N, C-alpha and C. Protein backbone atom coordinates (compact mmCIF):
# COMPACT_ATOMS: atom_id res chain seq x y z
N MET A 1 0.06 -13.20 -11.59
CA MET A 1 -1.09 -12.33 -11.62
C MET A 1 -0.66 -10.97 -12.13
N PRO A 2 -1.44 -10.37 -13.00
CA PRO A 2 -1.11 -9.03 -13.51
C PRO A 2 -1.04 -7.99 -12.38
N LEU A 3 -0.16 -7.05 -12.55
CA LEU A 3 0.07 -6.02 -11.54
C LEU A 3 -1.20 -5.24 -11.23
N LEU A 4 -1.97 -4.90 -12.24
CA LEU A 4 -3.19 -4.12 -12.03
C LEU A 4 -4.16 -4.84 -11.09
N GLU A 5 -4.32 -6.14 -11.28
CA GLU A 5 -5.22 -6.92 -10.42
C GLU A 5 -4.70 -6.97 -8.98
N THR A 6 -3.40 -7.12 -8.82
CA THR A 6 -2.81 -7.13 -7.48
C THR A 6 -3.04 -5.79 -6.79
N CYS A 7 -2.83 -4.70 -7.52
CA CYS A 7 -3.03 -3.37 -6.94
C CYS A 7 -4.49 -3.15 -6.54
N LYS A 8 -5.42 -3.64 -7.34
CA LYS A 8 -6.85 -3.52 -6.99
C LYS A 8 -7.17 -4.31 -5.73
N MET A 9 -6.59 -5.50 -5.59
CA MET A 9 -6.81 -6.30 -4.40
C MET A 9 -6.19 -5.61 -3.18
N LEU A 10 -5.03 -5.00 -3.34
CA LEU A 10 -4.40 -4.27 -2.23
C LEU A 10 -5.29 -3.11 -1.79
N GLN A 11 -5.95 -2.46 -2.74
CA GLN A 11 -6.87 -1.38 -2.38
C GLN A 11 -8.01 -1.93 -1.52
N SER A 12 -8.49 -3.12 -1.84
CA SER A 12 -9.57 -3.71 -1.04
C SER A 12 -9.07 -4.09 0.36
N PHE A 13 -7.76 -4.28 0.52
CA PHE A 13 -7.16 -4.54 1.83
C PHE A 13 -6.95 -3.26 2.63
N GLY A 14 -7.22 -2.10 2.02
CA GLY A 14 -7.08 -0.84 2.74
C GLY A 14 -5.94 0.04 2.28
N TYR A 15 -5.14 -0.42 1.34
CA TYR A 15 -4.04 0.38 0.80
C TYR A 15 -4.57 1.27 -0.31
N ARG A 16 -5.27 2.35 0.09
CA ARG A 16 -5.87 3.27 -0.89
C ARG A 16 -5.79 4.69 -0.33
N ALA A 17 -5.88 5.64 -1.22
CA ALA A 17 -5.79 7.05 -0.83
C ALA A 17 -6.87 7.37 0.19
N GLY A 18 -6.48 8.08 1.24
CA GLY A 18 -7.40 8.49 2.29
C GLY A 18 -7.46 7.55 3.47
N ALA A 19 -6.91 6.35 3.32
CA ALA A 19 -6.95 5.37 4.42
C ALA A 19 -5.84 5.66 5.43
N ARG A 20 -6.10 5.28 6.66
CA ARG A 20 -5.09 5.35 7.71
C ARG A 20 -4.75 3.94 8.12
N MET A 21 -3.48 3.70 8.37
CA MET A 21 -3.07 2.38 8.83
C MET A 21 -1.74 2.45 9.56
N ARG A 22 -1.51 1.44 10.35
CA ARG A 22 -0.24 1.32 11.06
C ARG A 22 0.65 0.41 10.22
N LEU A 23 1.79 0.93 9.85
CA LEU A 23 2.71 0.19 8.98
C LEU A 23 4.12 0.51 9.41
N TYR A 24 4.92 -0.53 9.59
CA TYR A 24 6.31 -0.37 10.03
C TYR A 24 6.40 0.43 11.33
N GLY A 25 5.45 0.20 12.24
CA GLY A 25 5.47 0.82 13.55
C GLY A 25 5.05 2.27 13.58
N GLU A 26 4.43 2.77 12.51
CA GLU A 26 4.03 4.17 12.45
C GLU A 26 2.60 4.28 11.91
N ASP A 27 1.83 5.21 12.46
CA ASP A 27 0.50 5.48 11.93
C ASP A 27 0.64 6.36 10.70
N LEU A 28 0.12 5.89 9.57
CA LEU A 28 0.28 6.59 8.30
C LEU A 28 -1.07 6.95 7.68
N GLN A 29 -1.08 8.05 6.96
CA GLN A 29 -2.20 8.47 6.12
C GLN A 29 -1.78 8.18 4.68
N ILE A 30 -2.46 7.25 4.03
CA ILE A 30 -2.12 6.89 2.65
C ILE A 30 -2.62 8.00 1.73
N THR A 31 -1.77 8.45 0.81
CA THR A 31 -2.13 9.55 -0.08
C THR A 31 -2.19 9.15 -1.55
N SER A 32 -1.96 7.87 -1.85
CA SER A 32 -2.01 7.42 -3.25
C SER A 32 -2.56 6.00 -3.31
N GLU A 33 -2.88 5.58 -4.49
CA GLU A 33 -3.22 4.19 -4.73
C GLU A 33 -1.91 3.42 -4.89
N PRO A 34 -1.89 2.10 -4.70
CA PRO A 34 -0.66 1.33 -4.89
C PRO A 34 -0.15 1.46 -6.33
N PHE A 35 1.18 1.51 -6.46
CA PHE A 35 1.80 1.58 -7.79
C PHE A 35 3.16 0.91 -7.74
N LEU A 36 3.68 0.58 -8.91
CA LEU A 36 4.98 -0.07 -9.03
C LEU A 36 6.06 1.00 -9.04
N ASP A 37 7.07 0.81 -8.18
CA ASP A 37 8.22 1.70 -8.11
C ASP A 37 9.46 0.81 -8.18
N GLY A 38 10.04 0.71 -9.36
CA GLY A 38 11.15 -0.21 -9.55
C GLY A 38 10.64 -1.64 -9.46
N GLU A 39 11.12 -2.38 -8.46
CA GLU A 39 10.72 -3.77 -8.28
C GLU A 39 9.69 -3.95 -7.16
N HIS A 40 9.21 -2.85 -6.58
CA HIS A 40 8.35 -2.94 -5.41
C HIS A 40 7.01 -2.26 -5.63
N ILE A 41 5.97 -2.79 -5.00
CA ILE A 41 4.67 -2.13 -5.01
C ILE A 41 4.65 -1.23 -3.78
N VAL A 42 4.33 0.03 -3.99
CA VAL A 42 4.42 1.05 -2.94
C VAL A 42 3.17 1.92 -2.93
N VAL A 43 3.06 2.73 -1.86
CA VAL A 43 2.08 3.81 -1.78
C VAL A 43 2.81 5.06 -1.31
N ARG A 44 2.21 6.20 -1.54
CA ARG A 44 2.72 7.45 -0.97
C ARG A 44 1.94 7.67 0.32
N ALA A 45 2.63 8.19 1.36
CA ALA A 45 1.98 8.36 2.66
C ALA A 45 2.64 9.48 3.44
N THR A 46 1.88 10.00 4.39
CA THR A 46 2.40 10.97 5.36
C THR A 46 2.12 10.43 6.76
N SER A 47 2.72 11.03 7.75
CA SER A 47 2.44 10.66 9.13
C SER A 47 0.98 10.99 9.43
N ALA A 48 0.28 10.11 10.10
CA ALA A 48 -1.13 10.34 10.43
C ALA A 48 -1.27 11.50 11.43
N ARG A 49 -0.21 11.84 12.10
CA ARG A 49 -0.24 12.95 13.05
C ARG A 49 -0.18 14.31 12.35
N GLY A 50 0.03 14.29 11.05
CA GLY A 50 0.07 15.53 10.30
C GLY A 50 1.45 16.13 10.17
N ALA A 51 2.42 15.56 10.84
CA ALA A 51 3.79 16.07 10.76
C ALA A 51 4.58 15.27 9.73
N GLY A 52 5.46 15.93 9.03
CA GLY A 52 6.33 15.22 8.11
C GLY A 52 5.91 15.34 6.67
N ASP A 53 6.85 15.08 5.81
CA ASP A 53 6.63 15.14 4.37
C ASP A 53 6.06 13.84 3.85
N GLU A 54 5.46 13.93 2.68
CA GLU A 54 4.97 12.73 2.00
C GLU A 54 6.17 11.91 1.56
N ARG A 55 6.04 10.60 1.68
CA ARG A 55 7.14 9.72 1.27
C ARG A 55 6.59 8.44 0.67
N THR A 56 7.45 7.71 0.01
CA THR A 56 7.09 6.44 -0.59
C THR A 56 7.32 5.33 0.43
N VAL A 57 6.29 4.47 0.60
CA VAL A 57 6.36 3.39 1.58
C VAL A 57 6.08 2.07 0.87
N ARG A 58 6.97 1.11 1.05
CA ARG A 58 6.77 -0.21 0.46
C ARG A 58 5.63 -0.95 1.16
N ILE A 59 4.85 -1.65 0.38
CA ILE A 59 3.85 -2.55 0.94
C ILE A 59 4.58 -3.85 1.27
N PRO A 60 4.40 -4.38 2.48
CA PRO A 60 5.13 -5.60 2.87
C PRO A 60 4.86 -6.77 1.91
N ILE A 61 5.91 -7.52 1.62
CA ILE A 61 5.82 -8.64 0.68
C ILE A 61 4.75 -9.66 1.10
N PRO A 62 4.62 -10.02 2.39
CA PRO A 62 3.55 -10.97 2.75
C PRO A 62 2.16 -10.46 2.39
N VAL A 63 1.93 -9.16 2.47
CA VAL A 63 0.64 -8.59 2.10
C VAL A 63 0.44 -8.69 0.59
N ILE A 64 1.49 -8.45 -0.17
CA ILE A 64 1.40 -8.57 -1.64
C ILE A 64 1.10 -10.02 -2.02
N ARG A 65 1.74 -10.95 -1.34
CA ARG A 65 1.49 -12.38 -1.61
C ARG A 65 0.04 -12.74 -1.29
N MET A 66 -0.49 -12.23 -0.18
CA MET A 66 -1.89 -12.49 0.16
C MET A 66 -2.82 -11.93 -0.92
N ALA A 67 -2.52 -10.72 -1.41
CA ALA A 67 -3.37 -10.10 -2.44
C ALA A 67 -3.33 -10.95 -3.72
N SER A 68 -2.14 -11.42 -4.07
CA SER A 68 -2.00 -12.25 -5.29
C SER A 68 -2.75 -13.57 -5.12
N ALA A 69 -2.64 -14.18 -3.96
CA ALA A 69 -3.32 -15.45 -3.72
C ALA A 69 -4.83 -15.28 -3.67
N ALA A 70 -5.30 -14.19 -3.09
CA ALA A 70 -6.74 -13.94 -2.98
C ALA A 70 -7.36 -13.76 -4.35
N LYS A 71 -6.67 -13.06 -5.22
CA LYS A 71 -7.20 -12.81 -6.56
C LYS A 71 -7.15 -14.07 -7.40
N ALA A 72 -6.15 -14.91 -7.18
CA ALA A 72 -6.00 -16.14 -7.97
C ALA A 72 -7.03 -17.20 -7.55
N ALA A 73 -7.50 -17.13 -6.33
CA ALA A 73 -8.44 -18.15 -5.82
C ALA A 73 -9.84 -17.97 -6.34
């Protein structure tokens, strides 16, 4: 599946700028749309508590697989 379609499906799963989610045991505020960083699809995020710098966070591989499968179906 093309990367652009996978990223659009990830956005529909909630990985989009302005969304809040719990990922890797931390509440995060997503600040970017999904994008490719090297070999991984990532988003930029900050702590939802307002503390901390913006950082790059990998989207878990099982979620990427679900997005790819959902778009292919």
